[in-house]
Amino acid sequence: MSKPMFTVDEKFVAFYDGSKPREASVFGFKEVRGRLHYQIHFIGFSSFYDDTIPVGEESGKMIKGTMKDFKRRQKEAVQAAKSQESSEGPSTCAGSSAGLLEPTPIVGFNWPPILKNVIALDHHRIHQHFEHQLPCRFTVDKIMEEYLEHFETLPEVTDDGPTNTVLVKKNLSMVKRMFNAVLRNFLLYKPERFGYNDLLKDKAKENKVEYQCVSQLPDLPASELFGLAHLLRLFVNFPQQLKNLKLNNAVINRTIESLQGFMDFLKENREKYWKEDCGYVTLASYIRRQLSNNGM
């Protein structure tokens, strides 16, 4: 078994979502399937974003020192690479300092705190035995439709760059396709899956579709049912998901830049699209369990 390189309360730099360096600390250890894991807290962020990293897999994920030390080393490496290129010409060596640096780092969204708060509060509501009443009053489809109407009225809209109308429409369409594809397996919390499965069963019964198990049923269009909270869950790991599509960092950054206005629009309309005390109903599975416990 590997020996931990970091200790409890030690501060270091961790790579959130595999791309963004964040200052973090170890707040404990836990065993997962017989393997020891670090329990990681990102300093300045809610515990909702806490993560675990297996002991022995620190390389590339956990860097000794503070964020200030990390930035200083990065700056020194860049200066060293430039110095080497100016004196010897561009290096072709795979192990050169220049080769160790990502020429175009992923920038990620500039997250408004109010939207981070939606994710945290929604997580709390779901784990208090509530679920979203479906379809949501403002679905992802409706939100995107209203954003495009708003976007086309902006005076800074141009024919190119991140404000290109065609580019924004294309990227929103990609977000919708991704949302519909991953919601069932990746965006629903465990308590929500029972309700979604009930919807699939009702649809199958309505269409007289025979099935052996729920996993055989086709998904319902998630963007026609779910709203802001689930869309934000998608955006939490959005840069990494784009990377999984084999897009290069420059394309990822351009995509995120073109969608940043959408994020700002969601911030400005958060109270319209999501409220903590509206749009939730008690989990049907919880009601059934309570009735069963009471012998009813």
C-alpha atoms as a PDB file:
ATOM      1  CA  MET A   1       0.000   0.000   0.000  1.00  0.00           C
ATOM      2  CA  SER A   2       1.342   3.435  -0.966  1.00  0.00           C
ATOM      3  CA  LYS A   3       2.361   5.792   1.830  1.00  0.00           C
ATOM      4  CA  PRO A   4       0.603   9.208   1.843  1.00  0.00           C
ATOM      5  CA  MET A   5       2.774  12.086   0.638  1.00  0.00           C
ATOM      6  CA  PHE A   6       0.471  14.681   2.254  1.00  0.00           C
ATOM      7  CA  THR A   7      -0.745  15.003   5.832  1.00  0.00           C
ATOM      8  CA  VAL A   8      -4.013  16.185   7.395  1.00  0.00           C
ATOM      9  CA  ASP A   9      -4.340  20.017   7.363  1.00  0.00           C
ATOM     10  CA  GLU A  10      -1.485  20.325   4.854  1.00  0.00           C
ATOM     11  CA  LYS A  11      -2.166  22.988   2.216  1.00  0.00           C
ATOM     12  CA  PHE A  12      -1.198  22.390  -1.405  1.00  0.00           C
ATOM     13  CA  VAL A  13      -2.344  23.002  -4.986  1.00  0.00           C
ATOM     14  CA  ALA A  14      -4.858  20.589  -6.528  1.00  0.00           C
ATOM     15  CA  PHE A  15      -6.220  20.513 -10.057  1.00  0.00           C
ATOM     16  CA  TYR A  16     -10.005  20.901  -9.909  1.00  0.00           C
ATOM     17  CA  ASP A  17     -11.830  19.174 -12.805  1.00  0.00           C
ATOM     18  CA  GLY A  18      -8.430  18.101 -14.081  1.00  0.00           C
ATOM     19  CA  SER A  19      -7.605  21.583 -15.360  1.00  0.00           C
ATOM     20  CA  LYS A  20      -7.903  24.448 -12.852  1.00  0.00           C
ATOM     21  CA  PRO A  21      -5.254  24.799 -10.130  1.00  0.00           C
ATOM     22  CA  ARG A  22      -6.878  25.577  -6.782  1.00  0.00           C
ATOM     23  CA  GLU A  23      -5.480  25.937  -3.292  1.00  0.00           C
ATOM     24  CA  ALA A  24      -6.663  22.990  -1.219  1.00  0.00           C
ATOM     25  CA  SER A  25      -6.052  21.092   1.999  1.00  0.00           C
ATOM     26  CA  VAL A  26      -6.353  17.532   3.279  1.00  0.00           C
ATOM     27  CA  PHE A  27      -9.042  17.266   5.944  1.00  0.00           C
ATOM     28  CA  GLY A  28      -8.855  13.510   6.412  1.00  0.00           C
ATOM     29  CA  PHE A  29      -8.478  10.061   4.900  1.00  0.00           C
ATOM     30  CA  LYS A  30     -11.034   7.384   4.091  1.00  0.00           C
ATOM     31  CA  GLU A  31     -10.898   3.894   2.680  1.00  0.00           C
ATOM     32  CA  VAL A  32     -12.799   3.218  -0.542  1.00  0.00           C
ATOM     33  CA  ARG A  33     -12.978  -0.383  -1.724  1.00  0.00           C
ATOM     34  CA  GLY A  34      -9.944  -1.290   0.298  1.00  0.00           C
ATOM     35  CA  ARG A  35      -7.877   1.671  -0.941  1.00  0.00           C
ATOM     36  CA  LEU A  36      -6.898   4.737   1.079  1.00  0.00           C
ATOM     37  CA  HIS A  37      -8.052   8.108  -0.328  1.00  0.00           C
ATOM     38  CA  TYR A  38      -7.255  11.712   0.582  1.00  0.00           C
ATOM     39  CA  GLN A  39     -10.295  13.825   1.470  1.00  0.00           C
ATOM     40  CA  ILE A  40      -9.722  17.152  -0.277  1.00  0.00           C
ATOM     41  CA  HIS A  41     -11.295  20.548   0.481  1.00  0.00           C
ATOM     42  CA  PHE A  42     -10.863  23.442  -1.967  1.00  0.00           C
ATOM     43  CA  ILE A  43     -10.156  26.539   0.116  1.00  0.00           C
ATOM     44  CA  GLY A  44     -12.735  29.290  -0.370  1.00  0.00           C
ATOM     45  CA  PHE A  45     -15.341  26.908  -1.829  1.00  0.00           C
ATOM     46  CA  SER A  46     -18.347  25.128  -0.335  1.00  0.00           C
ATOM     47  CA  SER A  47     -17.897  21.578   0.964  1.00  0.00           C
ATOM     48  CA  PHE A  48     -20.128  20.597  -1.986  1.00  0.00           C
ATOM     49  CA  TYR A  49     -16.965  20.657  -4.112  1.00  0.00           C
ATOM     50  CA  ASP A  50     -14.919  18.440  -1.756  1.00  0.00           C
ATOM     51  CA  ASP A  51     -13.172  15.618  -3.589  1.00  0.00           C
ATOM     52  CA  THR A  52     -11.214  12.420  -2.977  1.00  0.00           C
ATOM     53  CA  ILE A  53      -7.922  11.347  -4.561  1.00  0.00           C
ATOM     54  CA  PRO A  54      -6.426   7.861  -4.147  1.00  0.00           C
ATOM     55  CA  VAL A  55      -3.150   7.715  -2.214  1.00  0.00           C
ATOM     56  CA  GLY A  56      -0.457   6.903  -4.760  1.00  0.00           C
ATOM     57  CA  GLU A  57      -2.046   8.981  -7.539  1.00  0.00           C
ATOM     58  CA  GLU A  58      -0.793  12.365  -6.349  1.00  0.00           C
ATOM     59  CA  SER A  59       1.287  12.998  -9.488  1.00  0.00           C
ATOM     60  CA  GLY A  60      -0.309  15.668 -11.672  1.00  0.00           C
ATOM     61  CA  LYS A  61      -3.190  16.135  -9.221  1.00  0.00           C
ATOM     62  CA  MET A  62      -1.609  17.329  -5.965  1.00  0.00           C
ATOM     63  CA  ILE A  63       1.330  19.760  -5.959  1.00  0.00           C
ATOM     64  CA  LYS A  64       3.366  20.585  -2.852  1.00  0.00           C
ATOM     65  CA  GLY A  65       3.409  24.240  -1.776  1.00  0.00           C
ATOM     66  CA  THR A  66       1.018  27.175  -1.822  1.00  0.00           C
ATOM     67  CA  MET A  67      -0.670  28.743  -4.840  1.00  0.00           C
ATOM     68  CA  LYS A  68       1.894  31.539  -4.663  1.00  0.00           C
ATOM     69  CA  ASP A  69       4.723  28.969  -4.895  1.00  0.00           C
ATOM     70  CA  PHE A  70       2.969  27.227  -7.793  1.00  0.00           C
ATOM     71  CA  LYS A  71       2.549  30.449  -9.801  1.00  0.00           C
ATOM     72  CA  ARG A  72       6.150  31.441  -9.100  1.00  0.00           C
ATOM     73  CA  ARG A  73       7.432  28.073 -10.392  1.00  0.00           C
ATOM     74  CA  GLN A  74       5.223  28.351 -13.483  1.00  0.00           C
ATOM     75  CA  LYS A  75       6.550  31.836 -14.203  1.00  0.00           C
ATOM     76  CA  GLU A  76      10.139  30.683 -13.748  1.00  0.00           C
ATOM     77  CA  ALA A  77       9.530  27.727 -16.084  1.00  0.00           C
ATOM     78  CA  VAL A  78       8.082  30.009 -18.774  1.00  0.00           C
ATOM     79  CA  GLN A  79      11.016  32.413 -18.463  1.00  0.00           C
ATOM     80  CA  ALA A  80      13.467  29.512 -18.643  1.00  0.00           C
ATOM     81  CA  ALA A  81      11.771  28.140 -21.745  1.00  0.00           C
ATOM     82  CA  LYS A  82      11.838  31.561 -23.453  1.00  0.00           C
ATOM     83  CA  SER A  83      15.491  32.008 -22.527  1.00  0.00           C
ATOM     84  CA  GLN A  84      16.366  28.608 -23.968  1.00  0.00           C
ATOM     85  CA  GLU A  85      14.493  29.290 -27.206  1.00  0.00           C
ATOM     86  CA  SER A  86      16.170  32.660 -27.676  1.00  0.00           C
ATOM     87  CA  SER A  87      19.653  31.185 -27.210  1.00  0.00           C
ATOM     88  CA  GLU A  88      19.268  27.809 -28.930  1.00  0.00           C
ATOM     89  CA  GLY A  89      16.186  28.177 -31.119  1.00  0.00           C
ATOM     90  CA  PRO A  90      12.919  26.231 -30.635  1.00  0.00           C
ATOM     91  CA  SER A  91      13.497  22.990 -28.758  1.00  0.00           C
ATOM     92  CA  THR A  92      12.213  19.703 -30.186  1.00  0.00           C
ATOM     93  CA  CYS A  93      13.175  17.693 -27.115  1.00  0.00           C
ATOM     94  CA  ALA A  94      10.132  15.962 -25.542  1.00  0.00           C
ATOM     95  CA  GLY A  95      11.540  16.604 -22.086  1.00  0.00           C
ATOM     96  CA  SER A  96      12.193  20.303 -22.518  1.00  0.00           C
ATOM     97  CA  SER A  97      10.721  22.879 -20.135  1.00  0.00           C
ATOM     98  CA  ALA A  98       8.562  24.253 -22.941  1.00  0.00           C
ATOM     99  CA  GLY A  99       7.129  20.809 -23.584  1.00  0.00           C
ATOM    100  CA  LEU A 100       6.021  20.492 -19.968  1.00  0.00           C
ATOM    101  CA  LEU A 101       3.774  23.554 -20.140  1.00  0.00           C
ATOM    102  CA  GLU A 102       0.306  23.726 -21.650  1.00  0.00           C
ATOM    103  CA  PRO A 103       0.542  26.478 -24.315  1.00  0.00           C
ATOM    104  CA  THR A 104      -3.161  27.286 -24.003  1.00  0.00           C
ATOM    105  CA  PRO A 105      -4.477  26.589 -20.477  1.00  0.00           C
ATOM    106  CA  ILE A 106      -8.231  26.073 -20.095  1.00  0.00           C
ATOM    107  CA  VAL A 107      -9.784  29.141 -18.500  1.00  0.00           C
ATOM    108  CA  GLY A 108     -13.193  27.747 -17.448  1.00  0.00           C
ATOM    109  CA  PHE A 109     -16.324  29.706 -16.576  1.00  0.00           C
ATOM    110  CA  ASN A 110     -16.288  32.765 -14.363  1.00  0.00           C
ATOM    111  CA  TRP A 111     -18.852  31.367 -11.919  1.00  0.00           C
ATOM    112  CA  PRO A 112     -21.155  33.934 -10.252  1.00  0.00           C
ATOM    113  CA  PRO A 113     -21.436  33.051  -6.520  1.00  0.00           C
ATOM    114  CA  ILE A 114     -25.248  33.165  -6.754  1.00  0.00           C
ATOM    115  CA  LEU A 115     -25.196  30.248  -9.217  1.00  0.00           C
ATOM    116  CA  LYS A 116     -22.820  28.227  -7.043  1.00  0.00           C
ATOM    117  CA  ASN A 117     -25.334  28.805  -4.273  1.00  0.00           C
ATOM    118  CA  VAL A 118     -28.107  27.307  -6.421  1.00  0.00           C
ATOM    119  CA  ILE A 119     -26.132  24.068  -6.775  1.00  0.00           C
ATOM    120  CA  ALA A 120     -25.430  23.841  -3.047  1.00  0.00           C
ATOM    121  CA  LEU A 121     -28.992  24.658  -1.932  1.00  0.00           C
ATOM    122  CA  ASP A 122     -30.523  22.352  -4.542  1.00  0.00           C
ATOM    123  CA  HIS A 123     -28.262  19.525  -3.329  1.00  0.00           C
ATOM    124  CA  HIS A 124     -29.515  20.196   0.203  1.00  0.00           C
ATOM    125  CA  ARG A 125     -33.181  20.108  -0.865  1.00  0.00           C
ATOM    126  CA  ILE A 126     -32.821  16.814  -2.732  1.00  0.00           C
ATOM    127  CA  HIS A 127     -31.211  15.181   0.290  1.00  0.00           C
ATOM    128  CA  GLN A 128     -34.046  16.469   2.493  1.00  0.00           C
ATOM    129  CA  HIS A 129     -36.405  14.091   0.627  1.00  0.00           C
ATOM    130  CA  PHE A 130     -37.554  16.525  -2.049  1.00  0.00           C
ATOM    131  CA  GLU A 131     -37.392  16.359  -5.835  1.00  0.00           C
ATOM    132  CA  HIS A 132     -38.154  18.731  -8.691  1.00  0.00           C
ATOM    133  CA  GLN A 133     -41.738  18.836  -9.879  1.00  0.00           C
ATOM    134  CA  LEU A 134     -41.519  17.868 -13.553  1.00  0.00           C
ATOM    135  CA  PRO A 135     -41.665  19.404 -15.987  1.00  0.00           C
ATOM    136  CA  CYS A 136     -40.043  22.431 -14.362  1.00  0.00           C
ATOM    137  CA  ARG A 137     -41.832  25.722 -14.905  1.00  0.00           C
ATOM    138  CA  PHE A 138     -38.789  26.973 -16.798  1.00  0.00           C
ATOM    139  CA  THR A 139     -37.166  24.072 -18.608  1.00  0.00           C
ATOM    140  CA  VAL A 140     -33.718  24.144 -20.200  1.00  0.00           C
ATOM    141  CA  ASP A 141     -35.405  24.534 -23.598  1.00  0.00           C
ATOM    142  CA  LYS A 142     -37.407  27.538 -22.369  1.00  0.00           C
ATOM    143  CA  ILE A 143     -34.390  29.144 -20.685  1.00  0.00           C
ATOM    144  CA  MET A 144     -32.288  28.831 -23.851  1.00  0.00           C
ATOM    145  CA  GLU A 145     -35.127  30.185 -25.966  1.00  0.00           C
ATOM    146  CA  GLU A 146     -35.430  33.265 -23.740  1.00  0.00           C
ATOM    147  CA  TYR A 147     -31.655  33.764 -23.726  1.00  0.00           C
ATOM    148  CA  LEU A 148     -31.482  33.775 -27.529  1.00  0.00           C
ATOM    149  CA  GLU A 149     -34.278  36.366 -27.653  1.00  0.00           C
ATOM    150  CA  HIS A 150     -32.307  38.478 -25.162  1.00  0.00           C
ATOM    151  CA  PHE A 151     -28.968  37.894 -26.907  1.00  0.00           C
ATOM    152  CA  GLU A 152     -30.169  39.069 -30.292  1.00  0.00           C
ATOM    153  CA  THR A 153     -31.099  42.451 -28.786  1.00  0.00           C
ATOM    154  CA  LEU A 154     -27.596  43.141 -27.434  1.00  0.00           C
ATOM    155  CA  PRO A 155     -25.834  46.072 -29.140  1.00  0.00           C
ATOM    156  CA  GLU A 156     -22.408  44.368 -29.008  1.00  0.00           C
ATOM    157  CA  VAL A 157     -23.484  41.356 -31.088  1.00  0.00           C
ATOM    158  CA  THR A 158     -21.150  41.037 -34.069  1.00  0.00           C
ATOM    159  CA  ASP A 159     -20.560  38.715 -37.005  1.00  0.00           C
ATOM    160  CA  ASP A 160     -17.456  37.122 -35.503  1.00  0.00           C
ATOM    161  CA  GLY A 161     -15.769  36.405 -32.181  1.00  0.00           C
ATOM    162  CA  PRO A 162     -17.465  35.122 -29.027  1.00  0.00           C
ATOM    163  CA  THR A 163     -20.541  37.291 -29.642  1.00  0.00           C
ATOM    164  CA  ASN A 164     -21.238  35.688 -33.021  1.00  0.00           C
ATOM    165  CA  THR A 165     -24.945  34.749 -33.080  1.00  0.00           C
ATOM    166  CA  VAL A 166     -24.304  31.623 -35.158  1.00  0.00           C
ATOM    167  CA  LEU A 167     -21.577  30.452 -32.779  1.00  0.00           C
ATOM    168  CA  VAL A 168     -23.739  31.007 -29.692  1.00  0.00           C
ATOM    169  CA  LYS A 169     -26.666  29.112 -31.232  1.00  0.00           C
ATOM    170  CA  LYS A 170     -24.348  26.278 -32.226  1.00  0.00           C
ATOM    171  CA  ASN A 171     -22.870  26.035 -28.736  1.00  0.00           C
ATOM    172  CA  LEU A 172     -26.264  26.182 -27.010  1.00  0.00           C
ATOM    173  CA  SER A 173     -27.411  23.368 -29.282  1.00  0.00           C
ATOM    174  CA  MET A 174     -24.330  21.349 -28.294  1.00  0.00           C
ATOM    175  CA  VAL A 175     -25.031  22.009 -24.591  1.00  0.00           C
ATOM    176  CA  LYS A 176     -28.624  20.782 -25.054  1.00  0.00           C
ATOM    177  CA  ARG A 177     -27.508  17.590 -26.808  1.00  0.00           C
ATOM    178  CA  MET A 178     -24.939  16.926 -24.079  1.00  0.00           C
ATOM    179  CA  PHE A 179     -27.509  17.641 -21.360  1.00  0.00           C
ATOM    180  CA  ASN A 180     -30.001  15.188 -22.868  1.00  0.00           C
ATOM    181  CA  ALA A 181     -27.304  12.547 -23.301  1.00  0.00           C
ATOM    182  CA  VAL A 182     -25.764  12.597 -19.816  1.00  0.00           C
ATOM    183  CA  LEU A 183     -28.596  13.551 -17.451  1.00  0.00           C
ATOM    184  CA  ARG A 184     -29.857  10.038 -16.701  1.00  0.00           C
ATOM    185  CA  ASN A 185     -26.479   8.565 -15.745  1.00  0.00           C
ATOM    186  CA  PHE A 186     -24.495  11.570 -14.532  1.00  0.00           C
ATOM    187  CA  LEU A 187     -26.660  14.538 -13.473  1.00  0.00           C
ATOM    188  CA  LEU A 188     -29.341  12.968 -11.298  1.00  0.00           C
ATOM    189  CA  TYR A 189     -28.727  12.391  -7.617  1.00  0.00           C
ATOM    190  CA  LYS A 190     -29.605   8.889  -6.460  1.00  0.00           C
ATOM    191  CA  PRO A 191     -32.918   9.914  -4.797  1.00  0.00           C
ATOM    192  CA  GLU A 192     -34.065  11.577  -8.059  1.00  0.00           C
ATOM    193  CA  ARG A 193     -33.607   8.492 -10.211  1.00  0.00           C
ATOM    194  CA  PHE A 194     -36.698   6.783  -8.813  1.00  0.00           C
ATOM    195  CA  GLY A 195     -38.911   9.653  -9.946  1.00  0.00           C
ATOM    196  CA  TYR A 196     -37.300   9.754 -13.379  1.00  0.00           C
ATOM    197  CA  ASN A 197     -37.740   5.981 -13.721  1.00  0.00           C
ATOM    198  CA  ASP A 198     -41.425   6.400 -12.847  1.00  0.00           C
ATOM    199  CA  LEU A 199     -41.747   8.888 -15.711  1.00  0.00           C
ATOM    200  CA  LEU A 200     -40.115   6.408 -18.090  1.00  0.00           C
ATOM    201  CA  LYS A 201     -42.509   3.668 -16.967  1.00  0.00           C
ATOM    202  CA  ASP A 202     -45.550   5.917 -17.384  1.00  0.00           C
ATOM    203  CA  LYS A 203     -44.399   6.866 -20.891  1.00  0.00           C
ATOM    204  CA  ALA A 204     -43.822   3.211 -21.776  1.00  0.00           C
ATOM    205  CA  LYS A 205     -47.298   2.289 -20.521  1.00  0.00           C
ATOM    206  CA  GLU A 206     -48.829   5.162 -22.479  1.00  0.00           C
ATOM    207  CA  ASN A 207     -47.081   3.995 -25.672  1.00  0.00           C
ATOM    208  CA  LYS A 208     -47.625   0.282 -24.892  1.00  0.00           C
ATOM    209  CA  VAL A 209     -43.887  -0.400 -24.886  1.00  0.00           C
ATOM    210  CA  GLU A 210     -42.772  -3.723 -23.400  1.00  0.00           C
ATOM    211  CA  TYR A 211     -39.528  -3.894 -21.434  1.00  0.00           C
ATOM    212  CA  GLN A 212     -37.640  -6.206 -19.094  1.00  0.00           C
ATOM    213  CA  CYS A 213     -35.999  -3.497 -16.977  1.00  0.00           C
ATOM    214  CA  VAL A 214     -36.010   0.308 -16.814  1.00  0.00           C
ATOM    215  CA  SER A 215     -32.532   0.578 -18.372  1.00  0.00           C
ATOM    216  CA  GLN A 216     -34.034  -0.657 -21.665  1.00  0.00           C
ATOM    217  CA  LEU A 217     -36.403   2.302 -21.895  1.00  0.00           C
ATOM    218  CA  PRO A 218     -35.406   5.258 -24.079  1.00  0.00           C
ATOM    219  CA  ASP A 219     -34.638   8.476 -22.227  1.00  0.00           C
ATOM    220  CA  LEU A 220     -37.165  11.289 -22.204  1.00  0.00           C
ATOM    221  CA  PRO A 221     -35.874  14.634 -23.586  1.00  0.00           C
ATOM    222  CA  ALA A 222     -34.268  16.007 -20.418  1.00  0.00           C
ATOM    223  CA  SER A 223     -34.218  19.573 -21.724  1.00  0.00           C
ATOM    224  CA  GLU A 224     -38.041  19.479 -21.917  1.00  0.00           C
ATOM    225  CA  LEU A 225     -38.348  18.398 -18.262  1.00  0.00           C
ATOM    226  CA  PHE A 226     -35.505  19.763 -16.126  1.00  0.00           C
ATOM    227  CA  GLY A 227     -34.436  23.322 -15.446  1.00  0.00           C
ATOM    228  CA  LEU A 228     -31.722  25.592 -14.109  1.00  0.00           C
ATOM    229  CA  ALA A 229     -30.411  23.464 -11.213  1.00  0.00           C
ATOM    230  CA  HIS A 230     -29.689  20.457 -13.433  1.00  0.00           C
ATOM    231  CA  LEU A 231     -28.210  22.631 -16.183  1.00  0.00           C
ATOM    232  CA  LEU A 232     -25.755  24.093 -13.656  1.00  0.00           C
ATOM    233  CA  ARG A 233     -24.780  20.562 -12.600  1.00  0.00           C
ATOM    234  CA  LEU A 234     -23.730  19.987 -16.217  1.00  0.00           C
ATOM    235  CA  PHE A 235     -21.656  23.195 -16.234  1.00  0.00           C
ATOM    236  CA  VAL A 236     -19.727  22.199 -13.080  1.00  0.00           C
ATOM    237  CA  ASN A 237     -17.595  19.747 -15.088  1.00  0.00           C
ATOM    238  CA  PHE A 238     -18.186  21.318 -18.499  1.00  0.00           C
ATOM    239  CA  PRO A 239     -14.536  22.045 -19.430  1.00  0.00           C
ATOM    240  CA  GLN A 240     -13.535  18.455 -18.672  1.00  0.00           C
ATOM    241  CA  GLN A 241     -16.497  17.106 -20.639  1.00  0.00           C
ATOM    242  CA  LEU A 242     -15.426  19.182 -23.641  1.00  0.00           C
ATOM    243  CA  LYS A 243     -11.936  17.772 -23.229  1.00  0.00           C
ATOM    244  CA  ASN A 244     -13.409  14.259 -23.267  1.00  0.00           C
ATOM    245  CA  LEU A 245     -14.766  15.110 -26.729  1.00  0.00           C
ATOM    246  CA  LYS A 246     -11.102  15.426 -27.838  1.00  0.00           C
ATOM    247  CA  LEU A 247     -11.398  19.186 -28.421  1.00  0.00           C
ATOM    248  CA  ASN A 248      -8.168  21.154 -28.094  1.00  0.00           C
ATOM    249  CA  ASN A 249      -7.817  23.781 -25.381  1.00  0.00           C
ATOM    250  CA  ALA A 250      -8.156  26.734 -27.750  1.00  0.00           C
ATOM    251  CA  VAL A 251     -11.540  25.436 -29.016  1.00  0.00           C
ATOM    252  CA  ILE A 252     -12.662  24.703 -25.450  1.00  0.00           C
ATOM    253  CA  ASN A 253     -11.800  28.250 -24.374  1.00  0.00           C
ATOM    254  CA  ARG A 254     -13.635  29.747 -27.359  1.00  0.00           C
ATOM    255  CA  THR A 255     -16.698  27.642 -26.546  1.00  0.00           C
ATOM    256  CA  ILE A 256     -16.670  28.679 -22.888  1.00  0.00           C
ATOM    257  CA  GLU A 257     -16.084  32.321 -23.814  1.00  0.00           C
ATOM    258  CA  SER A 258     -19.105  32.285 -26.118  1.00  0.00           C
ATOM    259  CA  LEU A 259     -21.247  30.793 -23.331  1.00  0.00           C
ATOM    260  CA  GLN A 260     -20.076  33.124 -20.550  1.00  0.00           C
ATOM    261  CA  GLY A 261     -22.803  35.586 -21.518  1.00  0.00           C
ATOM    262  CA  PHE A 262     -25.324  32.782 -21.027  1.00  0.00           C
ATOM    263  CA  MET A 263     -23.954  32.219 -17.517  1.00  0.00           C
ATOM    264  CA  ASP A 264     -24.283  35.939 -16.777  1.00  0.00           C
ATOM    265  CA  PHE A 265     -27.866  35.844 -18.101  1.00  0.00           C
ATOM    266  CA  LEU A 266     -28.628  32.926 -15.741  1.00  0.00           C
ATOM    267  CA  LYS A 267     -27.212  34.960 -12.862  1.00  0.00           C
ATOM    268  CA  GLU A 268     -29.402  37.966 -13.685  1.00  0.00           C
ATOM    269  CA  ASN A 269     -32.514  35.782 -13.971  1.00  0.00           C
ATOM    270  CA  ARG A 270     -31.820  33.319 -11.170  1.00  0.00           C
ATOM    271  CA  GLU A 271     -34.874  34.371  -9.121  1.00  0.00           C
ATOM    272  CA  LYS A 272     -37.103  33.861 -12.160  1.00  0.00           C
ATOM    273  CA  TYR A 273     -35.740  30.434 -13.086  1.00  0.00           C
ATOM    274  CA  TRP A 274     -35.126  28.912  -9.630  1.00  0.00           C
ATOM    275  CA  LYS A 275     -36.275  29.461  -6.056  1.00  0.00           C
ATOM    276  CA  GLU A 276     -35.359  27.298  -3.090  1.00  0.00           C
ATOM    277  CA  ASP A 277     -38.936  27.163  -1.783  1.00  0.00           C
ATOM    278  CA  CYS A 278     -40.689  26.623  -5.141  1.00  0.00           C
ATOM    279  CA  GLY A 279     -40.863  23.828  -7.675  1.00  0.00           C
ATOM    280  CA  TYR A 280     -40.114  20.946  -5.274  1.00  0.00           C
ATOM    281  CA  VAL A 281     -42.349  18.090  -4.119  1.00  0.00           C
ATOM    282  CA  THR A 282     -41.744  15.351  -1.559  1.00  0.00           C
ATOM    283  CA  LEU A 283     -39.969  12.340  -3.052  1.00  0.00           C
ATOM    284  CA  ALA A 284     -42.504   9.677  -4.030  1.00  0.00           C
ATOM    285  CA  SER A 285     -40.072   6.961  -2.894  1.00  0.00           C
ATOM    286  CA  TYR A 286     -39.844   8.632   0.517  1.00  0.00           C
ATOM    287  CA  ILE A 287     -43.652   8.749   0.828  1.00  0.00           C
ATOM    288  CA  ARG A 288     -43.916   5.062  -0.118  1.00  0.00           C
ATOM    289  CA  ARG A 289     -41.256   4.149   2.431  1.00  0.00           C
ATOM    290  CA  GLN A 290     -42.991   6.136   5.188  1.00  0.00           C
ATOM    291  CA  LEU A 291     -46.346   4.524   4.411  1.00  0.00           C
ATOM    292  CA  SER A 292     -44.732   1.099   4.439  1.00  0.00           C
ATOM    293  CA  ASN A 293     -43.084   1.779   7.805  1.00  0.00           C
ATOM    294  CA  ASN A 294     -46.470   2.788   9.206  1.00  0.00           C
ATOM    295  CA  GLY A 295     -48.103  -0.401   7.936  1.00  0.00           C
ATOM    296  CA  MET A 296     -50.231   1.364   5.360  1.00  0.00           C
END
